[in-house]
């Protein structure tokens, strides 16, 4: 294994400043997650100023996954029909999938990454509904669970390319290879970015612990994302020939406690929502 200079946690955090910034209105939406007194009409106007973001968000809002009876033609209508939180998460999804540069790291498949992220988001949303958990929060956590990989790809493209080549050569575990060659892993990078972008504590925990949801204090959202991530792999929705299905934590599986026939519905719904969302988000 070729030694690459280790990246310290401090360097990782300092490097977050150099990442692509999200549109200002998306940062404002992130900051509004825990606020009670948000002026929705002002935010709707700001989002509407970005035509590409508006078009993508409205296509998502009107997709069958959200089951609107009346078509939303403006952001304000989407917020009225779907609710502020749901619409905010769709705006974030539309912004996130377009804000990171692609093609900087030859061994990293940007399209497969986003396909897996969208599949995990779709499955997390379906699971959350069955568990009576907040579907919007689960969707966002599923979409962003692997965001740390984008941090590493964007900030350290050559080093991360070496990691991916080594992992493929040895058919090894991604996290182990990241730690051995970089000194940090994508969980740490993702949690650092989630804190930098001022995500809620619950979201930060889900991103940091989705690989090990049995960790004390990881939270139930980490459990949902962990299982959704495995289902997305099992259904082969990313279309990545080299990907292995990760082992599922027995603690997480038991915590969901869904009967076998429910799982068949979960798989089917995930596939349907995934196809529709991918067509919109990756257009």
C-alpha atoms as a PDB file:
ATOM      1  CA  UNK A   1       0.000   0.000   0.000  1.00  0.00           C
ATOM      2  CA  UNK A   2       1.554   3.300  -1.067  1.00  0.00           C
ATOM      3  CA  UNK A   3       1.789   5.773   1.774  1.00  0.00           C
ATOM      4  CA  UNK A   4      -0.035   9.031   1.198  1.00  0.00           C
ATOM      5  CA  UNK A   5       0.440  11.932   3.639  1.00  0.00           C
ATOM      6  CA  UNK A   6      -2.148  11.643   6.414  1.00  0.00           C
ATOM      7  CA  UNK A   7      -4.803  14.335   6.626  1.00  0.00           C
ATOM      8  CA  UNK A   8      -5.415  15.638  10.143  1.00  0.00           C
ATOM      9  CA  UNK A   9      -8.879  16.454  11.473  1.00  0.00           C
ATOM     10  CA  UNK A  10      -7.768  20.095  11.707  1.00  0.00           C
ATOM     11  CA  UNK A  11      -6.787  20.191   8.006  1.00  0.00           C
ATOM     12  CA  UNK A  12     -10.097  18.571   7.120  1.00  0.00           C
ATOM     13  CA  UNK A  13     -12.103  21.233   8.977  1.00  0.00           C
ATOM     14  CA  UNK A  14      -9.988  24.120   7.586  1.00  0.00           C
ATOM     15  CA  UNK A  15     -10.428  22.745   4.056  1.00  0.00           C
ATOM     16  CA  UNK A  16     -14.232  22.979   4.311  1.00  0.00           C
ATOM     17  CA  UNK A  17     -13.930  26.703   3.578  1.00  0.00           C
ATOM     18  CA  UNK A  18     -12.640  25.861   0.087  1.00  0.00           C
ATOM     19  CA  UNK A  19     -15.578  23.633  -0.852  1.00  0.00           C
ATOM     20  CA  UNK A  20     -18.201  24.873  -3.307  1.00  0.00           C
ATOM     21  CA  UNK A  21     -20.696  27.013  -1.433  1.00  0.00           C
ATOM     22  CA  UNK A  22     -24.381  26.284  -1.622  1.00  0.00           C
ATOM     23  CA  UNK A  23     -26.682  29.004  -2.969  1.00  0.00           C
ATOM     24  CA  UNK A  24     -27.228  31.661  -0.274  1.00  0.00           C
ATOM     25  CA  UNK A  25     -30.937  30.853  -0.052  1.00  0.00           C
ATOM     26  CA  UNK A  26     -30.144  27.173   0.602  1.00  0.00           C
ATOM     27  CA  UNK A  27     -27.829  28.184   3.455  1.00  0.00           C
ATOM     28  CA  UNK A  28     -30.689  30.302   4.791  1.00  0.00           C
ATOM     29  CA  UNK A  29     -33.031  27.301   4.549  1.00  0.00           C
ATOM     30  CA  UNK A  30     -30.520  25.154   6.457  1.00  0.00           C
ATOM     31  CA  UNK A  31     -30.341  27.826   9.145  1.00  0.00           C
ATOM     32  CA  UNK A  32     -34.136  27.835   9.422  1.00  0.00           C
ATOM     33  CA  UNK A  33     -34.412  24.136  10.361  1.00  0.00           C
ATOM     34  CA  UNK A  34     -35.000  24.773  14.057  1.00  0.00           C
ATOM     35  CA  UNK A  35     -36.653  28.191  13.755  1.00  0.00           C
ATOM     36  CA  UNK A  36     -40.318  28.642  14.546  1.00  0.00           C
ATOM     37  CA  UNK A  37     -40.837  32.150  13.133  1.00  0.00           C
ATOM     38  CA  UNK A  38     -39.757  31.696   9.510  1.00  0.00           C
ATOM     39  CA  UNK A  39     -41.286  34.055   6.946  1.00  0.00           C
ATOM     40  CA  UNK A  40     -42.158  31.482   4.300  1.00  0.00           C
ATOM     41  CA  UNK A  41     -43.203  34.030   1.658  1.00  0.00           C
ATOM     42  CA  UNK A  42     -39.804  35.780   1.843  1.00  0.00           C
ATOM     43  CA  UNK A  43     -37.938  32.477   1.486  1.00  0.00           C
ATOM     44  CA  UNK A  44     -40.222  31.395  -1.360  1.00  0.00           C
ATOM     45  CA  UNK A  45     -39.441  34.642  -3.227  1.00  0.00           C
ATOM     46  CA  UNK A  46     -35.686  34.125  -2.769  1.00  0.00           C
ATOM     47  CA  UNK A  47     -35.802  30.544  -4.030  1.00  0.00           C
ATOM     48  CA  UNK A  48     -37.919  31.604  -7.013  1.00  0.00           C
ATOM     49  CA  UNK A  49     -35.122  33.951  -8.126  1.00  0.00           C
ATOM     50  CA  UNK A  50     -33.057  30.836  -9.011  1.00  0.00           C
ATOM     51  CA  UNK A  51     -34.904  29.454 -12.041  1.00  0.00           C
ATOM     52  CA  UNK A  52     -33.013  26.157 -12.342  1.00  0.00           C
ATOM     53  CA  UNK A  53     -33.472  25.405  -8.639  1.00  0.00           C
ATOM     54  CA  UNK A  54     -37.166  26.316  -8.826  1.00  0.00           C
ATOM     55  CA  UNK A  55     -37.798  24.100 -11.865  1.00  0.00           C
ATOM     56  CA  UNK A  56     -36.112  21.070 -10.264  1.00  0.00           C
ATOM     57  CA  UNK A  57     -37.892  21.601  -6.932  1.00  0.00           C
ATOM     58  CA  UNK A  58     -41.327  21.869  -8.571  1.00  0.00           C
ATOM     59  CA  UNK A  59     -40.741  18.735 -10.658  1.00  0.00           C
ATOM     60  CA  UNK A  60     -39.929  16.878  -7.428  1.00  0.00           C
ATOM     61  CA  UNK A  61     -42.914  18.334  -5.566  1.00  0.00           C
ATOM     62  CA  UNK A  62     -45.260  17.279  -8.370  1.00  0.00           C
ATOM     63  CA  UNK A  63     -43.789  13.760  -8.677  1.00  0.00           C
ATOM     64  CA  UNK A  64     -46.007  10.835  -7.706  1.00  0.00           C
ATOM     65  CA  UNK A  65     -43.755  10.168  -4.680  1.00  0.00           C
ATOM     66  CA  UNK A  66     -45.348  13.163  -2.959  1.00  0.00           C
ATOM     67  CA  UNK A  67     -48.880  12.476  -4.148  1.00  0.00           C
ATOM     68  CA  UNK A  68     -50.108  16.065  -4.525  1.00  0.00           C
ATOM     69  CA  UNK A  69     -53.740  16.245  -5.651  1.00  0.00           C
ATOM     70  CA  UNK A  70     -53.231  19.742  -7.072  1.00  0.00           C
ATOM     71  CA  UNK A  71     -50.216  20.674  -9.192  1.00  0.00           C
ATOM     72  CA  UNK A  72     -47.869  23.201  -7.567  1.00  0.00           C
ATOM     73  CA  UNK A  73     -46.752  25.843 -10.067  1.00  0.00           C
ATOM     74  CA  UNK A  74     -44.834  28.109  -7.651  1.00  0.00           C
ATOM     75  CA  UNK A  75     -42.535  27.533  -4.667  1.00  0.00           C
ATOM     76  CA  UNK A  76     -45.094  29.283  -2.439  1.00  0.00           C
ATOM     77  CA  UNK A  77     -47.772  26.781  -3.570  1.00  0.00           C
ATOM     78  CA  UNK A  78     -45.419  23.843  -2.964  1.00  0.00           C
ATOM     79  CA  UNK A  79     -44.815  25.137   0.571  1.00  0.00           C
ATOM     80  CA  UNK A  80     -48.567  25.489   1.099  1.00  0.00           C
ATOM     81  CA  UNK A  81     -49.485  22.046  -0.281  1.00  0.00           C
ATOM     82  CA  UNK A  82     -46.529  19.975   0.941  1.00  0.00           C
ATOM     83  CA  UNK A  83     -45.606  21.970   4.023  1.00  0.00           C
ATOM     84  CA  UNK A  84     -42.536  24.101   4.621  1.00  0.00           C
ATOM     85  CA  UNK A  85     -40.276  21.326   5.904  1.00  0.00           C
ATOM     86  CA  UNK A  86     -40.950  18.960   2.990  1.00  0.00           C
ATOM     87  CA  UNK A  87     -40.438  21.710   0.407  1.00  0.00           C
ATOM     88  CA  UNK A  88     -37.254  22.904   2.104  1.00  0.00           C
ATOM     89  CA  UNK A  89     -35.835  19.384   1.880  1.00  0.00           C
ATOM     90  CA  UNK A  90     -36.693  19.174  -1.822  1.00  0.00           C
ATOM     91  CA  UNK A  91     -34.961  22.515  -2.465  1.00  0.00           C
ATOM     92  CA  UNK A  92     -31.891  21.232  -0.628  1.00  0.00           C
ATOM     93  CA  UNK A  93     -31.937  17.990  -2.642  1.00  0.00           C
ATOM     94  CA  UNK A  94     -32.200  19.935  -5.901  1.00  0.00           C
ATOM     95  CA  UNK A  95     -29.312  22.227  -4.874  1.00  0.00           C
ATOM     96  CA  UNK A  96     -27.004  19.532  -3.455  1.00  0.00           C
ATOM     97  CA  UNK A  97     -27.105  17.292  -6.514  1.00  0.00           C
ATOM     98  CA  UNK A  98     -25.798  20.120  -8.668  1.00  0.00           C
ATOM     99  CA  UNK A  99     -23.287  21.995  -6.522  1.00  0.00           C
ATOM    100  CA  UNK A 100     -20.212  19.726  -6.381  1.00  0.00           C
ATOM    101  CA  UNK A 101     -17.798  19.610  -9.322  1.00  0.00           C
ATOM    102  CA  UNK A 102     -17.575  16.252 -11.096  1.00  0.00           C
ATOM    103  CA  UNK A 103     -14.819  14.412 -12.944  1.00  0.00           C
ATOM    104  CA  UNK A 104     -11.917  15.493 -10.700  1.00  0.00           C
ATOM    105  CA  UNK A 105     -11.089  11.999  -9.468  1.00  0.00           C
ATOM    106  CA  UNK A 106     -10.877   9.366 -12.247  1.00  0.00           C
ATOM    107  CA  UNK A 107     -11.744   6.385  -9.991  1.00  0.00           C
ATOM    108  CA  UNK A 108     -14.787   8.090  -8.441  1.00  0.00           C
ATOM    109  CA  UNK A 109     -18.058   7.601 -10.308  1.00  0.00           C
ATOM    110  CA  UNK A 110     -20.070  10.773  -9.581  1.00  0.00           C
ATOM    111  CA  UNK A 111     -23.238   9.426 -11.192  1.00  0.00           C
ATOM    112  CA  UNK A 112     -23.108   6.146  -9.245  1.00  0.00           C
ATOM    113  CA  UNK A 113     -22.525   8.161  -6.046  1.00  0.00           C
ATOM    114  CA  UNK A 114     -25.650  10.273  -6.568  1.00  0.00           C
ATOM    115  CA  UNK A 115     -27.709   7.279  -7.713  1.00  0.00           C
ATOM    116  CA  UNK A 116     -26.826   5.496  -4.469  1.00  0.00           C
ATOM    117  CA  UNK A 117     -27.572   8.645  -2.442  1.00  0.00           C
ATOM    118  CA  UNK A 118     -30.983   9.114  -4.098  1.00  0.00           C
ATOM    119  CA  UNK A 119     -31.805   5.402  -3.671  1.00  0.00           C
ATOM    120  CA  UNK A 120     -30.880   5.618   0.036  1.00  0.00           C
ATOM    121  CA  UNK A 121     -33.014   8.779   0.383  1.00  0.00           C
ATOM    122  CA  UNK A 122     -36.003   7.116  -1.312  1.00  0.00           C
ATOM    123  CA  UNK A 123     -35.717   4.008   0.868  1.00  0.00           C
ATOM    124  CA  UNK A 124     -35.191   6.034   4.065  1.00  0.00           C
ATOM    125  CA  UNK A 125     -38.366   7.970   3.275  1.00  0.00           C
ATOM    126  CA  UNK A 126     -40.346   4.751   2.734  1.00  0.00           C
ATOM    127  CA  UNK A 127     -38.969   3.186   5.934  1.00  0.00           C
ATOM    128  CA  UNK A 128     -39.705   6.351   7.923  1.00  0.00           C
ATOM    129  CA  UNK A 129     -43.347   6.197   6.865  1.00  0.00           C
ATOM    130  CA  UNK A 130     -43.626   2.597   8.087  1.00  0.00           C
ATOM    131  CA  UNK A 131     -41.893   3.544  11.361  1.00  0.00           C
ATOM    132  CA  UNK A 132     -44.013   6.695  11.875  1.00  0.00           C
ATOM    133  CA  UNK A 133     -40.809   8.749  11.762  1.00  0.00           C
ATOM    134  CA  UNK A 134     -40.427  12.140  10.031  1.00  0.00           C
ATOM    135  CA  UNK A 135     -40.195  11.250   6.322  1.00  0.00           C
ATOM    136  CA  UNK A 136     -38.670  14.589   5.270  1.00  0.00           C
ATOM    137  CA  UNK A 137     -35.816  14.328   7.763  1.00  0.00           C
ATOM    138  CA  UNK A 138     -35.187  10.688   6.745  1.00  0.00           C
ATOM    139  CA  UNK A 139     -35.122  11.648   3.048  1.00  0.00           C
ATOM    140  CA  UNK A 140     -32.542  14.406   3.622  1.00  0.00           C
ATOM    141  CA  UNK A 141     -30.356  12.205   5.847  1.00  0.00           C
ATOM    142  CA  UNK A 142     -30.477   9.440   3.231  1.00  0.00           C
ATOM    143  CA  UNK A 143     -29.524  11.847   0.461  1.00  0.00           C
ATOM    144  CA  UNK A 144     -26.591  13.310   2.402  1.00  0.00           C
ATOM    145  CA  UNK A 145     -25.338  10.218   4.272  1.00  0.00           C
ATOM    146  CA  UNK A 146     -22.259   9.848   2.046  1.00  0.00           C
ATOM    147  CA  UNK A 147     -21.505  13.565   1.629  1.00  0.00           C
ATOM    148  CA  UNK A 148     -18.109  13.057   3.287  1.00  0.00           C
ATOM    149  CA  UNK A 149     -16.936  11.209   0.172  1.00  0.00           C
ATOM    150  CA  UNK A 150     -17.603  14.380  -1.848  1.00  0.00           C
ATOM    151  CA  UNK A 151     -15.559  16.373   0.657  1.00  0.00           C
ATOM    152  CA  UNK A 152     -12.585  14.005   0.175  1.00  0.00           C
ATOM    153  CA  UNK A 153     -13.007  13.800  -3.613  1.00  0.00           C
ATOM    154  CA  UNK A 154     -13.262  17.592  -3.974  1.00  0.00           C
ATOM    155  CA  UNK A 155     -10.478  18.556  -1.559  1.00  0.00           C
ATOM    156  CA  UNK A 156      -8.031  15.673  -2.093  1.00  0.00           C
ATOM    157  CA  UNK A 157      -8.777  14.239  -5.566  1.00  0.00           C
ATOM    158  CA  UNK A 158      -5.377  12.610  -6.169  1.00  0.00           C
ATOM    159  CA  UNK A 159      -5.137  11.063  -2.712  1.00  0.00           C
ATOM    160  CA  UNK A 160      -8.718   9.806  -2.886  1.00  0.00           C
ATOM    161  CA  UNK A 161      -8.089   8.358  -6.342  1.00  0.00           C
ATOM    162  CA  UNK A 162      -5.202   6.363  -4.807  1.00  0.00           C
ATOM    163  CA  UNK A 163      -7.557   5.169  -2.020  1.00  0.00           C
ATOM    164  CA  UNK A 164     -10.159   3.942  -4.525  1.00  0.00           C
ATOM    165  CA  UNK A 165      -7.563   2.195  -6.692  1.00  0.00           C
ATOM    166  CA  UNK A 166      -6.061   0.454  -3.647  1.00  0.00           C
ATOM    167  CA  UNK A 167      -9.472  -0.568  -2.360  1.00  0.00           C
ATOM    168  CA  UNK A 168     -10.335  -2.083  -5.750  1.00  0.00           C
ATOM    169  CA  UNK A 169      -6.968  -3.871  -5.993  1.00  0.00           C
ATOM    170  CA  UNK A 170      -7.378  -5.503  -2.590  1.00  0.00           C
ATOM    171  CA  UNK A 171     -11.186  -5.803  -2.758  1.00  0.00           C
ATOM    172  CA  UNK A 172     -11.103  -4.204   0.681  1.00  0.00           C
ATOM    173  CA  UNK A 173     -13.402  -2.166   2.909  1.00  0.00           C
ATOM    174  CA  UNK A 174     -13.704   1.501   1.924  1.00  0.00           C
ATOM    175  CA  UNK A 175     -13.580   2.932   5.463  1.00  0.00           C
ATOM    176  CA  UNK A 176     -10.541   0.810   6.411  1.00  0.00           C
ATOM    177  CA  UNK A 177      -8.715   1.883   3.227  1.00  0.00           C
ATOM    178  CA  UNK A 178      -9.572   5.562   3.804  1.00  0.00           C
ATOM    179  CA  UNK A 179      -8.282   5.418   7.389  1.00  0.00           C
ATOM    180  CA  UNK A 180      -5.112   3.538   6.455  1.00  0.00           C
ATOM    181  CA  UNK A 181      -4.169   5.831   3.572  1.00  0.00           C
ATOM    182  CA  UNK A 182      -5.610   9.225   4.562  1.00  0.00           C
ATOM    183  CA  UNK A 183      -5.745   9.150   8.348  1.00  0.00           C
ATOM    184  CA  UNK A 184      -9.421  10.220   8.174  1.00  0.00           C
ATOM    185  CA  UNK A 185     -12.559   8.650   6.674  1.00  0.00           C
ATOM    186  CA  UNK A 186     -15.692   9.896   4.907  1.00  0.00           C
ATOM    187  CA  UNK A 187     -17.778   9.604   8.110  1.00  0.00           C
ATOM    188  CA  UNK A 188     -15.547  12.143   9.855  1.00  0.00           C
ATOM    189  CA  UNK A 189     -15.514  14.361   6.737  1.00  0.00           C
ATOM    190  CA  UNK A 190     -19.318  14.163   6.414  1.00  0.00           C
ATOM    191  CA  UNK A 191     -19.913  14.981  10.080  1.00  0.00           C
ATOM    192  CA  UNK A 192     -17.505  17.939   9.821  1.00  0.00           C
ATOM    193  CA  UNK A 193     -19.347  19.308   6.771  1.00  0.00           C
ATOM    194  CA  UNK A 194     -22.750  18.754   8.426  1.00  0.00           C
ATOM    195  CA  UNK A 195     -21.564  20.801  11.409  1.00  0.00           C
ATOM    196  CA  UNK A 196     -20.024  23.459   9.129  1.00  0.00           C
ATOM    197  CA  UNK A 197     -23.331  23.762   7.254  1.00  0.00           C
ATOM    198  CA  UNK A 198     -25.180  23.907  10.600  1.00  0.00           C
ATOM    199  CA  UNK A 199     -27.304  20.794  10.134  1.00  0.00           C
ATOM    200  CA  UNK A 200     -29.293  19.700  13.174  1.00  0.00           C
ATOM    201  CA  UNK A 201     -27.572  17.464  15.748  1.00  0.00           C
ATOM    202  CA  UNK A 202     -29.795  14.541  14.689  1.00  0.00           C
ATOM    203  CA  UNK A 203     -28.657  14.895  11.070  1.00  0.00           C
ATOM    204  CA  UNK A 204     -24.998  15.178  12.102  1.00  0.00           C
ATOM    205  CA  UNK A 205     -25.309  11.976  14.165  1.00  0.00           C
ATOM    206  CA  UNK A 206     -26.949  10.089  11.279  1.00  0.00           C
ATOM    207  CA  UNK A 207     -24.126  11.067   8.890  1.00  0.00           C
ATOM    208  CA  UNK A 208     -21.429  10.226  11.463  1.00  0.00           C
ATOM    209  CA  UNK A 209     -22.887   6.874  12.565  1.00  0.00           C
ATOM    210  CA  UNK A 210     -24.839   5.397   9.661  1.00  0.00           C
ATOM    211  CA  UNK A 211     -22.155   2.677   9.365  1.00  0.00           C
ATOM    212  CA  UNK A 212     -22.437   1.802  13.069  1.00  0.00           C
ATOM    213  CA  UNK A 213     -25.996   2.611  14.190  1.00  0.00           C
ATOM    214  CA  UNK A 214     -25.593   0.489  17.334  1.00  0.00           C
ATOM    215  CA  UNK A 215     -23.129   3.116  18.689  1.00  0.00           C
ATOM    216  CA  UNK A 216     -24.602   4.559  21.921  1.00  0.00           C
ATOM    217  CA  UNK A 217     -26.240   7.914  21.145  1.00  0.00           C
ATOM    218  CA  UNK A 218     -26.254   7.388  17.352  1.00  0.00           C
ATOM    219  CA  UNK A 219     -30.027   7.906  17.261  1.00  0.00           C
ATOM    220  CA  UNK A 220     -32.863   6.201  15.378  1.00  0.00           C
ATOM    221  CA  UNK A 221     -32.267   8.231  12.208  1.00  0.00           C
ATOM    222  CA  UNK A 222     -28.835   6.556  11.869  1.00  0.00           C
ATOM    223  CA  UNK A 223     -30.612   3.179  12.059  1.00  0.00           C
ATOM    224  CA  UNK A 224     -33.030   4.106   9.252  1.00  0.00           C
ATOM    225  CA  UNK A 225     -30.213   5.416   7.021  1.00  0.00           C
ATOM    226  CA  UNK A 226     -28.020   2.365   7.755  1.00  0.00           C
ATOM    227  CA  UNK A 227     -30.711  -0.063   6.612  1.00  0.00           C
ATOM    228  CA  UNK A 228     -31.772   2.141   3.661  1.00  0.00           C
ATOM    229  CA  UNK A 229     -28.145   2.292   2.482  1.00  0.00           C
ATOM    230  CA  UNK A 230     -27.915  -1.520   2.563  1.00  0.00           C
ATOM    231  CA  UNK A 231     -31.254  -1.912   0.724  1.00  0.00           C
ATOM    232  CA  UNK A 232     -30.109   0.540  -1.979  1.00  0.00           C
ATOM    233  CA  UNK A 233     -27.008  -1.640  -2.490  1.00  0.00           C
ATOM    234  CA  UNK A 234     -29.011  -4.883  -2.397  1.00  0.00           C
ATOM    235  CA  UNK A 235     -31.387  -3.594  -5.101  1.00  0.00           C
ATOM    236  CA  UNK A 236     -28.281  -2.556  -7.125  1.00  0.00           C
ATOM    237  CA  UNK A 237     -29.757   0.879  -7.827  1.00  0.00           C
ATOM    238  CA  UNK A 238     -26.399   2.682  -8.108  1.00  0.00           C
ATOM    239  CA  UNK A 239     -25.478   0.528 -11.097  1.00  0.00           C
ATOM    240  CA  UNK A 240     -21.918   0.091  -9.785  1.00  0.00           C
ATOM    241  CA  UNK A 241     -20.561  -3.322 -10.838  1.00  0.00           C
ATOM    242  CA  UNK A 242     -17.888  -3.425  -8.104  1.00  0.00           C
ATOM    243  CA  UNK A 243     -20.124  -2.633  -5.156  1.00  0.00           C
ATOM    244  CA  UNK A 244     -20.730  -5.216  -2.445  1.00  0.00           C
ATOM    245  CA  UNK A 245     -23.841  -5.208  -0.260  1.00  0.00           C
ATOM    246  CA  UNK A 246     -22.680  -3.993   3.176  1.00  0.00           C
ATOM    247  CA  UNK A 247     -23.422  -6.105   6.227  1.00  0.00           C
ATOM    248  CA  UNK A 248     -26.571  -5.008   8.063  1.00  0.00           C
ATOM    249  CA  UNK A 249     -26.372  -4.416  11.804  1.00  0.00           C
ATOM    250  CA  UNK A 250     -28.593  -6.971  13.549  1.00  0.00           C
ATOM    251  CA  UNK A 251     -29.349  -4.291  16.161  1.00  0.00           C
ATOM    252  CA  UNK A 252     -30.653  -1.931  13.449  1.00  0.00           C
ATOM    253  CA  UNK A 253     -32.634  -4.668  11.666  1.00  0.00           C
ATOM    254  CA  UNK A 254     -34.288  -5.716  14.940  1.00  0.00           C
ATOM    255  CA  UNK A 255     -34.987  -2.086  15.871  1.00  0.00           C
ATOM    256  CA  UNK A 256     -37.064  -1.674  12.679  1.00  0.00           C
ATOM    257  CA  UNK A 257     -38.857  -4.965  13.340  1.00  0.00           C
ATOM    258  CA  UNK A 258     -40.753  -5.024  10.031  1.00  0.00           C
ATOM    259  CA  UNK A 259     -42.434  -8.266   8.913  1.00  0.00           C
ATOM    260  CA  UNK A 260     -41.306  -9.979   5.704  1.00  0.00           C
ATOM    261  CA  UNK A 261     -44.312  -8.931   3.605  1.00  0.00           C
ATOM    262  CA  UNK A 262     -43.709  -5.280   4.539  1.00  0.00           C
ATOM    263  CA  UNK A 263     -40.140  -5.541   3.223  1.00  0.00           C
ATOM    264  CA  UNK A 264     -41.445  -6.568  -0.207  1.00  0.00           C
ATOM    265  CA  UNK A 265     -43.509  -3.344  -0.267  1.00  0.00           C
ATOM    266  CA  UNK A 266     -40.472  -1.337   0.896  1.00  0.00           C
ATOM    267  CA  UNK A 267     -38.332  -2.727  -1.966  1.00  0.00           C
ATOM    268  CA  UNK A 268     -40.992  -2.021  -4.581  1.00  0.00           C
ATOM    269  CA  UNK A 269     -41.766   1.505  -3.359  1.00  0.00           C
ATOM    270  CA  UNK A 270     -38.051   2.313  -3.137  1.00  0.00           C
ATOM    271  CA  UNK A 271     -37.511   1.261  -6.767  1.00  0.00           C
ATOM    272  CA  UNK A 272     -40.480   3.292  -8.003  1.00  0.00           C
ATOM    273  CA  UNK A 273     -39.565   6.456  -6.093  1.00  0.00           C
ATOM    274  CA  UNK A 274     -35.907   6.075  -7.048  1.00  0.00           C
ATOM    275  CA  UNK A 275     -36.594   5.969 -10.785  1.00  0.00           C
ATOM    276  CA  UNK A 276     -38.725   9.099 -10.668  1.00  0.00           C
ATOM    277  CA  UNK A 277     -36.426  11.084  -8.360  1.00  0.00           C
ATOM    278  CA  UNK A 278     -33.297  10.151 -10.334  1.00  0.00           C
ATOM    279  CA  UNK A 279     -34.885  11.331 -13.575  1.00  0.00           C
ATOM    280  CA  UNK A 280     -35.509  14.730 -11.941  1.00  0.00           C
ATOM    281  CA  UNK A 281     -32.433  15.235  -9.756  1.00  0.00           C
ATOM    282  CA  UNK A 282     -29.890  14.031 -12.302  1.00  0.00           C
ATOM    283  CA  UNK A 283     -31.402  15.715 -15.342  1.00  0.00           C
END
